[in-house]
Amino acid sequence: MRGDILFIHGWWVGGWIWSGVADQFAAAGLRTHIIDLPGPGTGSSGFDDHLSHAVRVARKIGNPILIGHSAGGLLAMKMCETLTPPACIAITPALPAGVVPRPDWLLLRFLATAMPSMLVGRSFFPRGLLPQLGIDRLSPMERETVLQRMEPISGAQVRSVLPGLVRVPPQHWSPRGSASARRRID
C-alpha cells in the first residue's frame, strides 16, 4: 500500500458518489476512505460542523490525501489550515473568499433556483439544473439510481458557503495547470 486517500462529497449526495472512483484507487494499491458528512438533507449541519467532522475523520486515518468535489472541495481546502495532507485535490470546488466567479448562465440559473430557499433556509433540490450538472449523460438506470439517492440540502447551508464567506488562505487554493485567481489574466 502506498498511502491513504479521503474522499469528500459535495451537496445533494453522500459518500456513495465516490464508490466507483475509490475502487479504482484501491485497485492501484491505495487505502481509500469515503466520508459521509453529517446531516445530509436535514439542513441541520452547516459548513463548520462538516469541517470539524472531516478533520476528525482525517486525523483518525492519519495523514490522507484529500480529494473533494463541489462543497467537498472547498471543505478539503479549508481542512488544509488545520492539517498538512500530502496533497489536496479540489474538483470544481465551491469558491473560497477572494475568488469571484464569472457570471455565467449556470451560476445565474442556480442562484435564481436557490435564492428563495437560501433566504428562508428551506431545503431544496435543484432538479431543473441536473442536465447541466451531467446527470443526463448517465445511462437511464444509473441516472435513476443517482436521483433516488440524492437529497435536498438546506438553503442556509448553501448560503453559508457563497463566494466570499469561507476564507481559505491562498496557499491552499492556488490552482495548478489553470489560471490562478491571484494572477492577472488579460
N, C-alpha and C. Protein backbone atom coordinates (compact mmCIF):
# COMPACT_ATOMS: atom_id res chain seq x y z
N MET A 1 0.84 -1.19 0.00
CA MET A 1 0.00 0.00 0.00
C MET A 1 0.88 1.24 0.00
N ARG A 2 0.44 2.27 -0.72
CA ARG A 2 1.25 3.47 -0.85
C ARG A 2 0.69 4.66 -0.12
N GLY A 3 -0.44 4.58 0.51
CA GLY A 3 -0.97 5.74 1.20
C GLY A 3 -2.47 5.72 1.30
N ASP A 4 -2.98 6.74 1.97
CA ASP A 4 -4.42 6.86 2.21
C ASP A 4 -4.99 8.04 1.44
N ILE A 5 -6.22 7.87 1.00
CA ILE A 5 -6.97 8.95 0.35
C ILE A 5 -8.31 9.07 1.05
N LEU A 6 -8.69 10.31 1.36
CA LEU A 6 -10.02 10.58 1.92
C LEU A 6 -10.83 11.32 0.88
N PHE A 7 -11.96 10.74 0.48
CA PHE A 7 -12.86 11.35 -0.50
C PHE A 7 -13.97 12.09 0.24
N ILE A 8 -14.23 13.33 -0.19
CA ILE A 8 -15.21 14.19 0.47
C ILE A 8 -16.26 14.61 -0.55
N HIS A 9 -17.51 14.25 -0.30
CA HIS A 9 -18.59 14.53 -1.24
C HIS A 9 -19.07 15.97 -1.13
N GLY A 10 -19.83 16.39 -2.13
CA GLY A 10 -20.43 17.72 -2.15
C GLY A 10 -21.90 17.66 -1.77
N TRP A 11 -22.62 18.68 -2.18
CA TRP A 11 -24.04 18.80 -1.84
C TRP A 11 -24.90 17.80 -2.60
N TRP A 12 -26.02 17.48 -2.02
CA TRP A 12 -27.09 16.65 -2.57
C TRP A 12 -26.72 15.18 -2.71
N VAL A 13 -25.49 14.82 -2.39
CA VAL A 13 -25.07 13.42 -2.49
C VAL A 13 -24.41 13.01 -1.18
N GLY A 14 -24.11 11.74 -1.05
CA GLY A 14 -23.39 11.24 0.11
C GLY A 14 -22.08 10.61 -0.34
N GLY A 15 -21.41 9.97 0.58
CA GLY A 15 -20.15 9.31 0.26
C GLY A 15 -20.27 8.28 -0.85
N TRP A 16 -21.46 7.74 -1.02
CA TRP A 16 -21.69 6.73 -2.06
C TRP A 16 -21.27 7.21 -3.44
N ILE A 17 -21.28 8.51 -3.68
CA ILE A 17 -20.96 9.03 -5.01
C ILE A 17 -19.51 8.70 -5.41
N TRP A 18 -18.65 8.48 -4.41
CA TRP A 18 -17.24 8.22 -4.66
C TRP A 18 -16.92 6.73 -4.81
N SER A 19 -17.86 5.83 -4.63
CA SER A 19 -17.53 4.40 -4.54
C SER A 19 -16.79 3.87 -5.76
N GLY A 20 -17.22 4.20 -6.96
CA GLY A 20 -16.54 3.70 -8.16
C GLY A 20 -15.13 4.23 -8.29
N VAL A 21 -14.95 5.51 -8.01
CA VAL A 21 -13.62 6.13 -8.08
C VAL A 21 -12.71 5.53 -7.00
N ALA A 22 -13.24 5.39 -5.80
CA ALA A 22 -12.45 4.83 -4.70
C ALA A 22 -12.00 3.40 -5.03
N ASP A 23 -12.86 2.64 -5.67
CA ASP A 23 -12.50 1.27 -6.06
C ASP A 23 -11.30 1.27 -7.01
N GLN A 24 -11.27 2.23 -7.92
CA GLN A 24 -10.15 2.32 -8.87
C GLN A 24 -8.84 2.66 -8.15
N PHE A 25 -8.90 3.57 -7.20
CA PHE A 25 -7.70 3.91 -6.43
C PHE A 25 -7.26 2.72 -5.56
N ALA A 26 -8.22 2.02 -4.99
CA ALA A 26 -7.89 0.84 -4.17
C ALA A 26 -7.23 -0.23 -5.03
N ALA A 27 -7.71 -0.42 -6.25
CA ALA A 27 -7.11 -1.40 -7.15
C ALA A 27 -5.67 -1.03 -7.50
N ALA A 28 -5.35 0.27 -7.41
CA ALA A 28 -3.99 0.73 -7.68
C ALA A 28 -3.10 0.65 -6.43
N GLY A 29 -3.65 0.13 -5.33
CA GLY A 29 -2.85 -0.09 -4.13
C GLY A 29 -2.94 0.98 -3.06
N LEU A 30 -3.89 1.88 -3.17
CA LEU A 30 -4.07 2.92 -2.16
C LEU A 30 -5.20 2.54 -1.21
N ARG A 31 -5.07 2.97 0.03
CA ARG A 31 -6.16 2.77 1.00
C ARG A 31 -7.13 3.92 0.83
N THR A 32 -8.38 3.59 0.57
CA THR A 32 -9.37 4.64 0.32
C THR A 32 -10.36 4.71 1.47
N HIS A 33 -10.76 5.93 1.77
CA HIS A 33 -11.72 6.21 2.84
C HIS A 33 -12.73 7.20 2.27
N ILE A 34 -13.99 6.93 2.50
CA ILE A 34 -15.05 7.80 2.00
C ILE A 34 -15.83 8.34 3.19
N ILE A 35 -15.90 9.64 3.27
CA ILE A 35 -16.60 10.27 4.39
C ILE A 35 -18.07 10.48 4.03
N ASP A 36 -18.92 10.33 5.00
CA ASP A 36 -20.31 10.75 4.89
C ASP A 36 -20.48 11.93 5.84
N LEU A 37 -20.69 13.09 5.30
CA LEU A 37 -20.83 14.29 6.13
C LEU A 37 -22.14 14.23 6.89
N PRO A 38 -22.18 14.77 8.11
CA PRO A 38 -23.40 14.70 8.92
C PRO A 38 -24.53 15.54 8.37
N GLY A 39 -25.74 15.07 8.59
CA GLY A 39 -26.94 15.85 8.29
C GLY A 39 -27.35 16.01 6.86
N PRO A 40 -27.04 15.08 5.93
CA PRO A 40 -27.48 15.31 4.56
C PRO A 40 -29.00 15.37 4.47
N GLY A 41 -29.47 16.39 3.78
CA GLY A 41 -30.91 16.53 3.57
C GLY A 41 -31.66 17.18 4.71
N THR A 42 -31.04 17.31 5.86
CA THR A 42 -31.76 17.87 7.00
C THR A 42 -31.51 19.34 7.19
N GLY A 43 -30.38 19.82 6.66
CA GLY A 43 -30.03 21.22 6.86
C GLY A 43 -29.55 21.49 8.27
N SER A 44 -29.39 20.43 9.08
CA SER A 44 -29.01 20.63 10.48
C SER A 44 -27.52 20.86 10.64
N SER A 45 -26.73 20.54 9.65
CA SER A 45 -25.29 20.70 9.76
C SER A 45 -24.80 21.73 8.76
N GLY A 46 -24.07 22.70 9.26
CA GLY A 46 -23.50 23.73 8.41
C GLY A 46 -22.05 23.42 8.07
N PHE A 47 -21.43 24.36 7.38
CA PHE A 47 -20.06 24.18 6.92
C PHE A 47 -19.10 23.91 8.08
N ASP A 48 -19.21 24.65 9.16
CA ASP A 48 -18.30 24.46 10.30
C ASP A 48 -18.46 23.08 10.93
N ASP A 49 -19.71 22.57 11.00
CA ASP A 49 -19.94 21.21 11.50
C ASP A 49 -19.27 20.18 10.59
N HIS A 50 -19.42 20.37 9.29
CA HIS A 50 -18.80 19.46 8.33
C HIS A 50 -17.28 19.52 8.45
N LEU A 51 -16.74 20.73 8.61
CA LEU A 51 -15.30 20.89 8.74
C LEU A 51 -14.77 20.15 9.97
N SER A 52 -15.40 20.33 11.11
CA SER A 52 -14.97 19.65 12.34
C SER A 52 -15.02 18.14 12.17
N HIS A 53 -16.11 17.65 11.60
CA HIS A 53 -16.27 16.21 11.39
C HIS A 53 -15.19 15.67 10.45
N ALA A 54 -14.96 16.36 9.34
CA ALA A 54 -13.99 15.89 8.35
C ALA A 54 -12.56 15.91 8.91
N VAL A 55 -12.22 16.92 9.68
CA VAL A 55 -10.89 16.97 10.30
C VAL A 55 -10.71 15.81 11.27
N ARG A 56 -11.74 15.51 12.07
CA ARG A 56 -11.67 14.37 13.00
C ARG A 56 -11.45 13.06 12.24
N VAL A 57 -12.19 12.87 11.16
CA VAL A 57 -12.05 11.64 10.36
C VAL A 57 -10.64 11.56 9.78
N ALA A 58 -10.16 12.65 9.21
CA ALA A 58 -8.81 12.65 8.61
C ALA A 58 -7.74 12.34 9.65
N ARG A 59 -7.88 12.89 10.84
CA ARG A 59 -6.89 12.63 11.90
C ARG A 59 -6.91 11.16 12.33
N LYS A 60 -8.09 10.54 12.36
CA LYS A 60 -8.17 9.12 12.71
C LYS A 60 -7.47 8.26 11.66
N ILE A 61 -7.57 8.68 10.40
CA ILE A 61 -6.93 7.93 9.31
C ILE A 61 -5.42 8.07 9.40
N GLY A 62 -4.96 9.24 9.75
CA GLY A 62 -3.52 9.52 9.79
C GLY A 62 -3.27 10.83 9.06
N ASN A 63 -2.75 10.74 7.88
CA ASN A 63 -2.46 11.93 7.08
C ASN A 63 -2.83 11.64 5.62
N PRO A 64 -4.13 11.56 5.33
CA PRO A 64 -4.54 11.17 3.98
C PRO A 64 -4.44 12.31 2.96
N ILE A 65 -4.34 11.92 1.71
CA ILE A 65 -4.56 12.85 0.61
C ILE A 65 -6.04 13.20 0.66
N LEU A 66 -6.38 14.46 0.44
CA LEU A 66 -7.78 14.90 0.46
C LEU A 66 -8.24 15.12 -0.97
N ILE A 67 -9.37 14.51 -1.32
CA ILE A 67 -9.98 14.73 -2.63
C ILE A 67 -11.44 15.09 -2.39
N GLY A 68 -11.83 16.29 -2.80
CA GLY A 68 -13.20 16.73 -2.60
C GLY A 68 -13.78 17.33 -3.86
N HIS A 69 -15.09 17.26 -3.96
CA HIS A 69 -15.80 17.82 -5.11
C HIS A 69 -16.84 18.81 -4.63
N SER A 70 -16.99 19.92 -5.34
CA SER A 70 -18.00 20.94 -5.05
C SER A 70 -17.80 21.48 -3.63
N ALA A 71 -18.82 21.43 -2.79
CA ALA A 71 -18.65 21.90 -1.41
C ALA A 71 -17.61 21.05 -0.68
N GLY A 72 -17.46 19.79 -1.08
CA GLY A 72 -16.41 18.94 -0.51
C GLY A 72 -15.02 19.39 -0.90
N GLY A 73 -14.88 20.00 -2.08
CA GLY A 73 -13.60 20.57 -2.49
C GLY A 73 -13.23 21.77 -1.65
N LEU A 74 -14.21 22.64 -1.38
CA LEU A 74 -13.97 23.79 -0.51
C LEU A 74 -13.63 23.30 0.90
N LEU A 75 -14.32 22.29 1.35
CA LEU A 75 -14.05 21.71 2.66
C LEU A 75 -12.61 21.18 2.73
N ALA A 76 -12.18 20.47 1.68
CA ALA A 76 -10.81 19.94 1.65
C ALA A 76 -9.79 21.07 1.73
N MET A 77 -10.02 22.15 0.99
CA MET A 77 -9.08 23.28 1.04
C MET A 77 -9.05 23.89 2.43
N LYS A 78 -10.20 24.03 3.05
CA LYS A 78 -10.28 24.62 4.39
C LYS A 78 -9.60 23.70 5.42
N MET A 79 -9.68 22.40 5.22
CA MET A 79 -9.03 21.45 6.12
C MET A 79 -7.52 21.64 6.15
N CYS A 80 -6.96 22.17 5.06
CA CYS A 80 -5.51 22.38 4.99
C CYS A 80 -5.01 23.46 5.94
N GLU A 81 -5.91 24.23 6.52
CA GLU A 81 -5.50 25.19 7.54
C GLU A 81 -5.12 24.47 8.84
N THR A 82 -5.71 23.31 9.05
CA THR A 82 -5.51 22.55 10.28
C THR A 82 -4.59 21.36 10.06
N LEU A 83 -4.70 20.73 8.91
CA LEU A 83 -3.95 19.52 8.59
C LEU A 83 -2.86 19.83 7.56
N THR A 84 -1.92 18.93 7.41
CA THR A 84 -0.89 19.06 6.37
C THR A 84 -0.90 17.79 5.51
N PRO A 85 -1.93 17.64 4.67
CA PRO A 85 -2.01 16.43 3.85
C PRO A 85 -0.92 16.42 2.79
N PRO A 86 -0.55 15.23 2.30
CA PRO A 86 0.43 15.16 1.22
C PRO A 86 -0.04 15.88 -0.04
N ALA A 87 -1.36 15.92 -0.24
CA ALA A 87 -1.95 16.63 -1.38
C ALA A 87 -3.41 16.92 -1.07
N CYS A 88 -3.91 17.95 -1.70
CA CYS A 88 -5.33 18.31 -1.60
C CYS A 88 -5.82 18.58 -3.00
N ILE A 89 -6.80 17.82 -3.44
CA ILE A 89 -7.34 17.96 -4.78
C ILE A 89 -8.80 18.39 -4.65
N ALA A 90 -9.09 19.57 -5.18
CA ALA A 90 -10.44 20.11 -5.13
C ALA A 90 -10.99 20.13 -6.56
N ILE A 91 -11.97 19.29 -6.82
CA ILE A 91 -12.55 19.17 -8.15
C ILE A 91 -13.77 20.08 -8.23
N THR A 92 -13.73 21.03 -9.14
CA THR A 92 -14.76 22.07 -9.28
C THR A 92 -15.33 22.47 -7.92
N PRO A 93 -14.46 23.03 -7.06
CA PRO A 93 -14.90 23.36 -5.71
C PRO A 93 -15.83 24.56 -5.66
N ALA A 94 -16.62 24.61 -4.59
CA ALA A 94 -17.31 25.86 -4.26
C ALA A 94 -16.19 26.87 -4.01
N LEU A 95 -16.41 28.10 -4.40
CA LEU A 95 -15.32 29.08 -4.40
C LEU A 95 -15.05 29.69 -3.04
N PRO A 96 -13.77 29.78 -2.66
CA PRO A 96 -13.43 30.45 -1.40
C PRO A 96 -13.46 31.97 -1.56
N ALA A 97 -13.40 32.66 -0.44
CA ALA A 97 -13.34 34.12 -0.46
C ALA A 97 -12.14 34.55 -1.30
N GLY A 98 -12.31 35.63 -2.04
CA GLY A 98 -11.22 36.14 -2.87
C GLY A 98 -11.28 35.67 -4.30
N VAL A 99 -12.10 34.69 -4.59
CA VAL A 99 -12.27 34.22 -5.96
C VAL A 99 -13.67 34.61 -6.39
N VAL A 100 -13.73 35.46 -7.37
CA VAL A 100 -15.03 35.94 -7.85
C VAL A 100 -15.42 35.10 -9.05
N PRO A 101 -16.56 34.44 -8.98
CA PRO A 101 -16.98 33.61 -10.11
C PRO A 101 -17.35 34.48 -11.30
N ARG A 102 -17.06 33.97 -12.47
CA ARG A 102 -17.51 34.71 -13.65
C ARG A 102 -19.01 34.48 -13.78
N PRO A 103 -19.74 35.50 -14.09
CA PRO A 103 -21.19 35.30 -14.20
C PRO A 103 -21.52 34.51 -15.46
N ASP A 104 -21.90 33.29 -15.29
CA ASP A 104 -22.31 32.50 -16.44
C ASP A 104 -23.75 32.03 -16.23
N TRP A 105 -24.32 31.49 -17.27
CA TRP A 105 -25.74 31.14 -17.23
C TRP A 105 -26.03 30.07 -16.19
N LEU A 106 -25.11 29.11 -15.96
CA LEU A 106 -25.37 28.05 -14.98
C LEU A 106 -25.40 28.63 -13.57
N LEU A 107 -24.43 29.49 -13.24
CA LEU A 107 -24.42 30.12 -11.93
C LEU A 107 -25.67 30.97 -11.73
N LEU A 108 -26.02 31.75 -12.73
CA LEU A 108 -27.21 32.60 -12.61
C LEU A 108 -28.48 31.77 -12.46
N ARG A 109 -28.57 30.66 -13.20
CA ARG A 109 -29.74 29.78 -13.06
C ARG A 109 -29.79 29.14 -11.69
N PHE A 110 -28.62 28.73 -11.19
CA PHE A 110 -28.57 28.14 -9.86
C PHE A 110 -29.04 29.15 -8.82
N LEU A 111 -28.51 30.37 -8.89
CA LEU A 111 -28.91 31.38 -7.90
C LEU A 111 -30.39 31.69 -8.00
N ALA A 112 -30.93 31.76 -9.20
CA ALA A 112 -32.36 32.02 -9.36
C ALA A 112 -33.19 30.88 -8.76
N THR A 113 -32.72 29.65 -8.93
CA THR A 113 -33.42 28.49 -8.37
C THR A 113 -33.29 28.44 -6.85
N ALA A 114 -32.10 28.75 -6.36
CA ALA A 114 -31.80 28.58 -4.94
C ALA A 114 -32.19 29.76 -4.06
N MET A 115 -32.28 30.96 -4.64
CA MET A 115 -32.44 32.17 -3.82
C MET A 115 -33.61 32.11 -2.84
N PRO A 116 -34.82 31.73 -3.25
CA PRO A 116 -35.91 31.70 -2.25
C PRO A 116 -35.59 30.77 -1.07
N SER A 117 -35.02 29.61 -1.35
CA SER A 117 -34.67 28.67 -0.27
C SER A 117 -33.53 29.20 0.57
N MET A 118 -32.56 29.87 -0.07
CA MET A 118 -31.43 30.42 0.67
C MET A 118 -31.90 31.50 1.64
N LEU A 119 -32.84 32.31 1.21
CA LEU A 119 -33.30 33.42 2.05
C LEU A 119 -34.01 32.93 3.31
N VAL A 120 -34.79 31.87 3.19
CA VAL A 120 -35.56 31.39 4.35
C VAL A 120 -34.96 30.13 4.99
N GLY A 121 -33.88 29.59 4.41
CA GLY A 121 -33.24 28.42 4.99
C GLY A 121 -33.96 27.12 4.73
N ARG A 122 -34.87 27.11 3.76
CA ARG A 122 -35.66 25.91 3.44
C ARG A 122 -34.82 24.93 2.60
N SER A 123 -35.02 23.66 2.80
CA SER A 123 -34.33 22.65 2.00
C SER A 123 -34.82 22.68 0.56
N PHE A 124 -33.90 22.39 -0.36
CA PHE A 124 -34.28 22.36 -1.77
C PHE A 124 -33.38 21.41 -2.55
N PHE A 125 -33.84 21.09 -3.74
CA PHE A 125 -33.14 20.18 -4.64
C PHE A 125 -33.24 20.78 -6.04
N PRO A 126 -32.12 21.10 -6.69
CA PRO A 126 -32.17 21.82 -7.97
C PRO A 126 -32.45 20.92 -9.17
N ARG A 127 -33.59 20.28 -9.17
CA ARG A 127 -33.92 19.32 -10.24
C ARG A 127 -33.76 19.92 -11.64
N GLY A 128 -34.12 21.18 -11.81
CA GLY A 128 -34.03 21.81 -13.12
C GLY A 128 -32.61 21.98 -13.64
N LEU A 129 -31.62 21.91 -12.77
CA LEU A 129 -30.23 22.07 -13.20
C LEU A 129 -29.51 20.75 -13.44
N LEU A 130 -30.16 19.64 -13.16
CA LEU A 130 -29.48 18.35 -13.26
C LEU A 130 -28.88 18.07 -14.64
N PRO A 131 -29.56 18.40 -15.74
CA PRO A 131 -28.91 18.15 -17.04
C PRO A 131 -27.59 18.89 -17.19
N GLN A 132 -27.51 20.12 -16.71
CA GLN A 132 -26.28 20.88 -16.82
C GLN A 132 -25.18 20.35 -15.90
N LEU A 133 -25.55 19.60 -14.90
CA LEU A 133 -24.57 19.04 -13.97
C LEU A 133 -24.07 17.67 -14.43
N GLY A 134 -24.51 17.20 -15.58
CA GLY A 134 -24.01 15.96 -16.14
C GLY A 134 -24.85 14.73 -15.87
N ILE A 135 -25.91 14.86 -15.11
CA ILE A 135 -26.76 13.70 -14.80
C ILE A 135 -27.34 13.10 -16.07
N ASP A 136 -27.62 13.94 -17.06
CA ASP A 136 -28.24 13.45 -18.29
C ASP A 136 -27.30 12.58 -19.11
N ARG A 137 -26.00 12.58 -18.81
CA ARG A 137 -25.05 11.75 -19.55
C ARG A 137 -24.96 10.32 -19.02
N LEU A 138 -25.61 10.07 -17.90
CA LEU A 138 -25.63 8.71 -17.34
C LEU A 138 -26.64 7.86 -18.09
N SER A 139 -26.45 6.55 -18.00
CA SER A 139 -27.46 5.66 -18.58
C SER A 139 -28.75 5.84 -17.79
N PRO A 140 -29.90 5.50 -18.37
CA PRO A 140 -31.16 5.67 -17.63
C PRO A 140 -31.15 4.95 -16.27
N MET A 141 -30.56 3.76 -16.19
CA MET A 141 -30.53 3.03 -14.93
C MET A 141 -29.63 3.74 -13.91
N GLU A 142 -28.45 4.19 -14.36
CA GLU A 142 -27.55 4.92 -13.46
C GLU A 142 -28.19 6.23 -12.99
N ARG A 143 -28.82 6.92 -13.91
CA ARG A 143 -29.47 8.19 -13.58
C ARG A 143 -30.53 7.99 -12.51
N GLU A 144 -31.35 6.97 -12.66
CA GLU A 144 -32.41 6.70 -11.69
C GLU A 144 -31.82 6.36 -10.32
N THR A 145 -30.75 5.57 -10.31
CA THR A 145 -30.09 5.22 -9.05
C THR A 145 -29.56 6.47 -8.35
N VAL A 146 -28.89 7.34 -9.10
CA VAL A 146 -28.34 8.56 -8.51
C VAL A 146 -29.47 9.46 -8.01
N LEU A 147 -30.50 9.65 -8.81
CA LEU A 147 -31.61 10.53 -8.41
C LEU A 147 -32.31 10.02 -7.15
N GLN A 148 -32.43 8.71 -7.01
CA GLN A 148 -33.07 8.16 -5.81
C GLN A 148 -32.24 8.40 -4.55
N ARG A 149 -30.92 8.50 -4.71
CA ARG A 149 -30.05 8.66 -3.55
C ARG A 149 -29.76 10.12 -3.21
N MET A 150 -29.95 11.02 -4.16
CA MET A 150 -29.69 12.43 -3.90
C MET A 150 -30.72 12.99 -2.92
N GLU A 151 -30.29 13.95 -2.11
CA GLU A 151 -31.17 14.51 -1.08
C GLU A 151 -31.12 16.03 -1.12
N PRO A 152 -32.22 16.67 -0.72
CA PRO A 152 -32.19 18.13 -0.63
C PRO A 152 -31.24 18.59 0.47
N ILE A 153 -30.76 19.83 0.34
CA ILE A 153 -29.97 20.43 1.41
C ILE A 153 -30.61 21.75 1.79
N SER A 154 -30.22 22.25 2.92
CA SER A 154 -30.78 23.49 3.45
C SER A 154 -30.28 24.69 2.66
N GLY A 155 -31.18 25.61 2.38
CA GLY A 155 -30.79 26.87 1.76
C GLY A 155 -29.81 27.62 2.63
N ALA A 156 -29.94 27.49 3.95
CA ALA A 156 -28.99 28.15 4.86
C ALA A 156 -27.58 27.58 4.68
N GLN A 157 -27.49 26.28 4.43
CA GLN A 157 -26.19 25.66 4.20
C GLN A 157 -25.56 26.20 2.92
N VAL A 158 -26.35 26.33 1.87
CA VAL A 158 -25.84 26.88 0.61
C VAL A 158 -25.40 28.32 0.84
N ARG A 159 -26.20 29.08 1.54
CA ARG A 159 -25.89 30.49 1.82
C ARG A 159 -24.57 30.61 2.58
N SER A 160 -24.26 29.64 3.45
CA SER A 160 -23.06 29.73 4.29
C SER A 160 -21.76 29.60 3.51
N VAL A 161 -21.81 29.09 2.29
CA VAL A 161 -20.57 28.94 1.52
C VAL A 161 -20.58 29.76 0.24
N LEU A 162 -21.45 30.75 0.14
CA LEU A 162 -21.41 31.62 -1.02
C LEU A 162 -20.03 32.25 -1.13
N PRO A 163 -19.56 32.53 -2.36
CA PRO A 163 -18.23 33.13 -2.51
C PRO A 163 -18.07 34.35 -1.60
N GLY A 164 -16.96 34.37 -0.90
CA GLY A 164 -16.67 35.48 -0.01
C GLY A 164 -16.93 35.19 1.44
N LEU A 165 -17.63 34.10 1.75
CA LEU A 165 -17.97 33.82 3.14
C LEU A 165 -17.02 32.83 3.81
N VAL A 166 -16.41 31.93 3.05
CA VAL A 166 -15.47 30.97 3.62
C VAL A 166 -14.07 31.39 3.22
N ARG A 167 -13.28 31.76 4.19
CA ARG A 167 -11.91 32.21 3.93
C ARG A 167 -10.96 31.02 3.95
N VAL A 168 -10.18 30.90 2.90
CA VAL A 168 -9.14 29.87 2.79
C VAL A 168 -7.88 30.60 2.36
N PRO A 169 -6.77 30.48 3.11
CA PRO A 169 -5.54 31.16 2.69
C PRO A 169 -5.16 30.76 1.26
N PRO A 170 -4.69 31.71 0.46
CA PRO A 170 -4.39 31.44 -0.95
C PRO A 170 -3.46 30.26 -1.17
N GLN A 171 -2.55 29.98 -0.26
CA GLN A 171 -1.64 28.85 -0.48
C GLN A 171 -2.38 27.52 -0.49
N HIS A 172 -3.62 27.49 -0.02
CA HIS A 172 -4.39 26.25 -0.02
C HIS A 172 -5.35 26.14 -1.19
N TRP A 173 -5.40 27.14 -2.06
CA TRP A 173 -6.32 27.02 -3.19
C TRP A 173 -5.75 27.47 -4.51
N SER A 174 -4.53 27.88 -4.56
CA SER A 174 -3.95 28.33 -5.82
C SER A 174 -3.91 27.15 -6.79
N PRO A 175 -4.68 27.22 -7.87
CA PRO A 175 -4.77 26.08 -8.79
C PRO A 175 -3.50 25.87 -9.60
N ARG A 176 -3.24 24.64 -9.94
CA ARG A 176 -2.13 24.30 -10.82
C ARG A 176 -2.70 23.88 -12.15
N GLY A 177 -2.04 24.28 -13.20
CA GLY A 177 -2.49 23.89 -14.52
C GLY A 177 -3.64 24.74 -15.04
N SER A 178 -3.99 25.78 -14.32
CA SER A 178 -5.02 26.70 -14.80
C SER A 178 -4.69 28.08 -14.27
N ALA A 179 -5.38 29.06 -14.77
CA ALA A 179 -5.11 30.43 -14.35
C ALA A 179 -5.44 30.61 -12.88
N SER A 180 -4.52 31.14 -12.14
CA SER A 180 -4.74 31.37 -10.72
C SER A 180 -5.51 32.65 -10.50
N ALA A 181 -6.36 32.65 -9.49
CA ALA A 181 -7.11 33.86 -9.17
C ALA A 181 -6.20 34.95 -8.65
N ARG A 182 -4.97 34.61 -8.27
CA ARG A 182 -4.04 35.62 -7.76
C ARG A 182 -3.26 36.28 -8.88
N ARG A 183 -3.35 35.79 -10.10
CA ARG A 183 -2.64 36.38 -11.22
C ARG A 183 -3.59 37.19 -12.08
N ARG A 184 -3.05 38.20 -12.68
CA ARG A 184 -3.85 38.99 -13.60
C ARG A 184 -4.01 38.21 -14.90
N ILE A 185 -5.21 38.17 -15.39
CA ILE A 185 -5.49 37.47 -16.64
C ILE A 185 -5.94 38.52 -17.65
N ASP A 186 -5.19 38.68 -18.72
CA ASP A 186 -5.53 39.68 -19.75
C ASP A 186 -6.45 39.10 -20.79
